[in-house]
PDB file of N, CA and C in Angstrom:
ATOM      1  N   MET A   1     196.111  61.568 125.119  1.00  0.00           N
ATOM      2  CA  MET A   1     196.931  62.017 126.537  1.00  0.00           C
ATOM      3  C   MET A   1     196.795  60.882 127.336  1.00  0.00           C
ATOM      4  N   ALA A   2     197.637  60.461 128.148  1.00  0.00           N
ATOM      5  CA  ALA A   2     197.546  59.448 129.185  1.00  0.00           C
ATOM      6  C   ALA A   2     197.214  60.049 130.379  1.00  0.00           C
ATOM      7  N   THR A   3     196.279  59.216 131.121  1.00  0.00           N
ATOM      8  CA  THR A   3     195.734  59.637 132.463  1.00  0.00           C
ATOM      9  C   THR A   3     196.589  58.896 133.600  1.00  0.00           C
ATOM     10  N   GLN A   4     196.636  59.324 134.657  1.00  0.00           N
ATOM     11  CA  GLN A   4     197.064  58.837 135.793  1.00  0.00           C
ATOM     12  C   GLN A   4     196.061  58.284 136.891  1.00  0.00           C
ATOM     13  N   THR A   5     196.094  57.132 137.193  1.00  0.00           N
ATOM     14  CA  THR A   5     195.070  56.664 138.073  1.00  0.00           C
ATOM     15  C   THR A   5     195.797  56.744 139.631  1.00  0.00           C
ATOM     16  N   SER A   6     194.984  57.115 140.409  1.00  0.00           N
ATOM     17  CA  SER A   6     195.755  57.075 141.801  1.00  0.00           C
ATOM     18  C   SER A   6     195.374  55.604 142.467  1.00  0.00           C
ATOM     19  N   VAL A   7     196.525  55.216 142.797  1.00  0.00           N
ATOM     20  CA  VAL A   7     196.533  53.900 143.319  1.00  0.00           C
ATOM     21  C   VAL A   7     196.837  54.030 145.077  1.00  0.00           C
ATOM     22  N   ILE A   8     195.857  53.431 145.928  1.00  0.00           N
ATOM     23  CA  ILE A   8     196.074  53.646 147.191  1.00  0.00           C
ATOM     24  C   ILE A   8     197.627  53.040 147.702  1.00  0.00           C
ATOM     25  N   LEU A   9     198.163  53.591 148.479  1.00  0.00           N
ATOM     26  CA  LEU A   9     199.352  53.212 149.078  1.00  0.00           C
ATOM     27  C   LEU A   9     199.059  51.863 150.201  1.00  0.00           C
ATOM     28  N   THR A  10     199.932  50.937 150.035  1.00  0.00           N
ATOM     29  CA  THR A  10     199.825  49.803 151.137  1.00  0.00           C
ATOM     30  C   THR A  10     200.902  49.883 152.059  1.00  0.00           C
ATOM     31  N   ASN A  11     200.725  48.806 153.202  1.00  0.00           N
ATOM     32  CA  ASN A  11     201.801  48.686 153.828  1.00  0.00           C
ATOM     33  C   ASN A  11     203.212  48.155 153.225  1.00  0.00           C
ATOM     34  N   ARG A  12     203.051  47.717 152.008  1.00  0.00           N
ATOM     35  CA  ARG A  12     204.319  47.299 151.510  1.00  0.00           C
ATOM     36  C   ARG A  12     204.928  48.423 150.642  1.00  0.00           C
ATOM     37  N   ASP A  13     204.284  49.480 150.615  1.00  0.00           N
ATOM     38  CA  ASP A  13     205.091  50.668 149.904  1.00  0.00           C
ATOM     39  C   ASP A  13     205.793  51.563 150.937  1.00  0.00           C
ATOM     40  N   ARG A  14     207.108  51.645 150.676  1.00  0.00           N
ATOM     41  CA  ARG A  14     208.136  52.436 151.577  1.00  0.00           C
ATOM     42  C   ARG A  14     208.494  53.647 150.984  1.00  0.00           C
ATOM     43  N   CYS A  15     208.950  54.416 152.033  1.00  0.00           N
ATOM     44  CA  CYS A  15     209.721  55.865 151.522  1.00  0.00           C
ATOM     45  C   CYS A  15     210.965  55.491 150.916  1.00  0.00           C
ATOM     46  N   ASP A  16     211.185  56.260 149.952  1.00  0.00           N
ATOM     47  CA  ASP A  16     212.409  56.123 149.100  1.00  0.00           C
ATOM     48  C   ASP A  16     213.685  56.621 149.829  1.00  0.00           C
ATOM     49  N   ARG A  17     213.456  57.298 150.975  1.00  0.00           N
ATOM     50  CA  ARG A  17     214.531  57.939 151.721  1.00  0.00           C
ATOM     51  C   ARG A  17     214.788  56.934 152.840  1.00  0.00           C
ATOM     52  N   CYS A  18     213.967  56.446 153.777  1.00  0.00           N
ATOM     53  CA  CYS A  18     214.349  55.772 154.797  1.00  0.00           C
ATOM     54  C   CYS A  18     213.702  54.476 155.138  1.00  0.00           C
ATOM     55  N   ARG A  19     212.729  53.979 154.096  1.00  0.00           N
ATOM     56  CA  ARG A  19     212.161  52.726 154.323  1.00  0.00           C
ATOM     57  C   ARG A  19     211.080  52.489 155.149  1.00  0.00           C
ATOM     58  N   ALA A  20     210.383  53.705 155.897  1.00  0.00           N
ATOM     59  CA  ALA A  20     209.481  53.837 156.621  1.00  0.00           C
ATOM     60  C   ALA A  20     208.026  53.560 155.814  1.00  0.00           C
ATOM     61  N   ALA A  21     206.818  53.344 156.342  1.00  0.00           N
ATOM     62  CA  ALA A  21     205.716  53.120 155.531  1.00  0.00           C
ATOM     63  C   ALA A  21     205.470  54.566 154.504  1.00  0.00           C
ATOM     64  N   ALA A  22     205.314  54.484 153.379  1.00  0.00           N
ATOM     65  CA  ALA A  22     204.930  55.662 152.700  1.00  0.00           C
ATOM     66  C   ALA A  22     203.679  56.172 152.882  1.00  0.00           C
ATOM     67  N   ALA A  23     203.417  57.534 152.916  1.00  0.00           N
ATOM     68  CA  ALA A  23     202.181  58.307 153.206  1.00  0.00           C
ATOM     69  C   ALA A  23     202.031  59.216 152.070  1.00  0.00           C
ATOM     70  N   VAL A  24     202.911  59.541 151.281  1.00  0.00           N
ATOM     71  CA  VAL A  24     202.675  60.581 150.138  1.00  0.00           C
ATOM     72  C   VAL A  24     203.518  60.106 148.935  1.00  0.00           C
ATOM     73  N   ARG A  25     202.548  60.351 147.767  1.00  0.00           N
ATOM     74  CA  ARG A  25     203.306  60.028 146.473  1.00  0.00           C
ATOM     75  C   ARG A  25     203.593  61.384 145.817  1.00  0.00           C
ATOM     76  N   ALA A  26     205.003  61.519 145.433  1.00  0.00           N
ATOM     77  CA  ALA A  26     205.272  62.688 144.827  1.00  0.00           C
ATOM     78  C   ALA A  26     205.481  62.249 143.121  1.00  0.00           C
ATOM     79  N   LEU A  27     204.697  62.877 142.347  1.00  0.00           N
ATOM     80  CA  LEU A  27     204.521  62.677 141.015  1.00  0.00           C
ATOM     81  C   LEU A  27     205.367  63.682 140.176  1.00  0.00           C
ATOM     82  N   LEU A  28     206.497  63.147 139.589  1.00  0.00           N
ATOM     83  CA  LEU A  28     207.267  64.123 138.671  1.00  0.00           C
ATOM     84  C   LEU A  28     207.256  63.742 137.192  1.00  0.00           C
ATOM     85  N   PRO A  29     207.630  64.556 136.367  1.00  0.00           N
ATOM     86  CA  PRO A  29     207.585  64.180 134.885  1.00  0.00           C
ATOM     87  C   PRO A  29     208.412  62.893 134.537  1.00  0.00           C
ATOM     88  N   ALA A  30     209.289  62.468 135.335  1.00  0.00           N
ATOM     89  CA  ALA A  30     210.165  61.252 135.038  1.00  0.00           C
ATOM     90  C   ALA A  30     209.708  60.206 135.895  1.00  0.00           C
ATOM     91  N   GLY A  31     208.740  60.435 136.804  1.00  0.00           N
ATOM     92  CA  GLY A  31     208.273  59.255 137.494  1.00  0.00           C
ATOM     93  C   GLY A  31     207.715  59.475 138.807  1.00  0.00           C
ATOM     94  N   GLU A  32     207.840  58.809 139.715  1.00  0.00           N
ATOM     95  CA  GLU A  32     207.386  59.012 141.017  1.00  0.00           C
ATOM     96  C   GLU A  32     208.293  58.675 142.127  1.00  0.00           C
ATOM     97  N   LEU A  33     208.012  59.255 143.289  1.00  0.00           N
ATOM     98  CA  LEU A  33     208.743  58.907 144.372  1.00  0.00           C
ATOM     99  C   LEU A  33     207.709  58.719 145.617  1.00  0.00           C
ATOM    100  N   LEU A  34     208.079  57.980 146.421  1.00  0.00           N
ATOM    101  CA  LEU A  34     207.216  57.634 147.697  1.00  0.00           C
ATOM    102  C   LEU A  34     207.892  58.308 149.030  1.00  0.00           C
ATOM    103  N   PHE A  35     207.130  58.855 149.760  1.00  0.00           N
ATOM    104  CA  PHE A  35     207.789  59.466 151.177  1.00  0.00           C
ATOM    105  C   PHE A  35     206.964  59.208 152.165  1.00  0.00           C
ATOM    106  N   CYS A  36     207.584  59.021 153.522  1.00  0.00           N
ATOM    107  CA  CYS A  36     206.884  59.026 154.886  1.00  0.00           C
ATOM    108  C   CYS A  36     206.492  60.402 154.965  1.00  0.00           C
ATOM    109  N   GLY A  37     205.629  60.607 155.991  1.00  0.00           N
ATOM    110  CA  GLY A  37     205.198  61.852 156.332  1.00  0.00           C
ATOM    111  C   GLY A  37     206.453  62.835 156.703  1.00  0.00           C
ATOM    112  N   HIS A  38     207.396  62.470 157.393  1.00  0.00           N
ATOM    113  CA  HIS A  38     208.536  63.152 157.869  1.00  0.00           C
ATOM    114  C   HIS A  38     209.318  63.834 156.556  1.00  0.00           C
ATOM    115  N   HIS A  39     209.637  62.998 155.745  1.00  0.00           N
ATOM    116  CA  HIS A  39     210.407  63.136 154.538  1.00  0.00           C
ATOM    117  C   HIS A  39     209.571  64.125 153.468  1.00  0.00           C
ATOM    118  N   ALA A  40     208.312  63.716 153.472  1.00  0.00           N
ATOM    119  CA  ALA A  40     207.412  64.448 152.722  1.00  0.00           C
ATOM    120  C   ALA A  40     207.275  66.117 153.126  1.00  0.00           C
ATOM    121  N   ARG A  41     207.201  66.148 154.236  1.00  0.00           N
ATOM    122  CA  ARG A  41     207.200  67.702 154.857  1.00  0.00           C
ATOM    123  C   ARG A  41     208.691  68.259 154.651  1.00  0.00           C
ATOM    124  N   LYS A  42     209.811  67.560 154.796  1.00  0.00           N
ATOM    125  CA  LYS A  42     211.083  67.915 154.689  1.00  0.00           C
ATOM    126  C   LYS A  42     211.479  68.297 153.258  1.00  0.00           C
ATOM    127  N   HIS A  43     210.976  67.730 152.390  1.00  0.00           N
ATOM    128  CA  HIS A  43     211.406  67.841 150.912  1.00  0.00           C
ATOM    129  C   HIS A  43     210.330  68.659 149.938  1.00  0.00           C
ATOM    130  N   ALA A  44     209.072  68.763 150.820  1.00  0.00           N
ATOM    131  CA  ALA A  44     207.875  69.440 149.912  1.00  0.00           C
ATOM    132  C   ALA A  44     208.470  70.797 149.170  1.00  0.00           C
ATOM    133  N   PRO A  45     208.939  71.592 149.872  1.00  0.00           N
ATOM    134  CA  PRO A  45     209.181  73.090 149.136  1.00  0.00           C
ATOM    135  C   PRO A  45     209.991  72.695 147.896  1.00  0.00           C
ATOM    136  N   ARG A  46     211.211  71.919 147.810  1.00  0.00           N
ATOM    137  CA  ARG A  46     211.915  71.632 146.695  1.00  0.00           C
ATOM    138  C   ARG A  46     211.121  70.967 145.631  1.00  0.00           C
ATOM    139  N   LEU A  47     210.394  69.863 146.228  1.00  0.00           N
ATOM    140  CA  LEU A  47     209.627  69.182 145.201  1.00  0.00           C
ATOM    141  C   LEU A  47     208.861  70.028 144.262  1.00  0.00           C
ATOM    142  N   ARG A  48     208.100  71.045 145.011  1.00  0.00           N
ATOM    143  CA  ARG A  48     207.257  71.967 144.429  1.00  0.00           C
ATOM    144  C   ARG A  48     207.757  72.819 143.516  1.00  0.00           C
ATOM    145  N   GLU A  49     208.954  73.183 143.785  1.00  0.00           N
ATOM    146  CA  GLU A  49     209.654  74.090 142.961  1.00  0.00           C
ATOM    147  C   GLU A  49     209.975  73.335 141.670  1.00  0.00           C
ATOM    148  N   ILE A  50     210.315  72.052 141.672  1.00  0.00           N
ATOM    149  CA  ILE A  50     210.593  71.556 140.549  1.00  0.00           C
ATOM    150  C   ILE A  50     209.324  70.937 139.850  1.00  0.00           C
ATOM    151  N   GLY A  51     208.160  71.175 140.197  1.00  0.00           N
ATOM    152  CA  GLY A  51     206.851  70.725 139.566  1.00  0.00           C
ATOM    153  C   GLY A  51     206.219  69.439 140.097  1.00  0.00           C
ATOM    154  N   ALA A  52     206.668  69.056 141.104  1.00  0.00           N
ATOM    155  CA  ALA A  52     206.068  67.690 141.604  1.00  0.00           C
ATOM    156  C   ALA A  52     204.703  68.083 142.117  1.00  0.00           C
ATOM    157  N   GLN A  53     203.812  67.037 142.030  1.00  0.00           N
ATOM    158  CA  GLN A  53     202.460  66.947 142.557  1.00  0.00           C
ATOM    159  C   GLN A  53     202.579  66.115 143.672  1.00  0.00           C
ATOM    160  N   LEU A  54     202.231  66.468 144.973  1.00  0.00           N
ATOM    161  CA  LEU A  54     202.286  65.760 146.114  1.00  0.00           C
ATOM    162  C   LEU A  54     200.871  65.224 146.474  1.00  0.00           C
ATOM    163  N   ARG A  55     200.861  64.193 146.483  1.00  0.00           N
ATOM    164  CA  ARG A  55     199.420  63.352 146.849  1.00  0.00           C
ATOM    165  C   ARG A  55     199.534  62.577 148.160  1.00  0.00           C
ATOM    166  N   PRO A  56     198.860  62.908 149.157  1.00  0.00           N
ATOM    167  CA  PRO A  56     198.738  62.164 150.490  1.00  0.00           C
ATOM    168  C   PRO A  56     198.015  61.129 150.229  1.00  0.00           C
ATOM    169  N   ASP A  57     198.357  59.878 150.828  1.00  0.00           N
ATOM    170  CA  ASP A  57     197.455  58.681 150.926  1.00  0.00           C
ATOM    171  C   ASP A  57     196.001  59.031 151.475  1.00  0.00           C
ATOM    172  N   PRO A  58     195.086  58.661 150.556  1.00  0.00           N
ATOM    173  CA  PRO A  58     193.698  59.033 151.310  1.00  0.00           C
ATOM    174  C   PRO A  58     193.353  58.177 152.566  1.00  0.00           C
TER     175      PRO A  58
END
């Protein structure tokens, strides 16, 4: 079984919706998405419905 390591987001990581600084990583079976705080809050309910794990930047 593969393990996922948590990589800290940097200033170069950008929201996949608006290109603002990424604050949350959404882990999905098919990959990952990065979101700013605004878009993470907006899309969190649906992301959780489809089984995403939301990981805020430490």
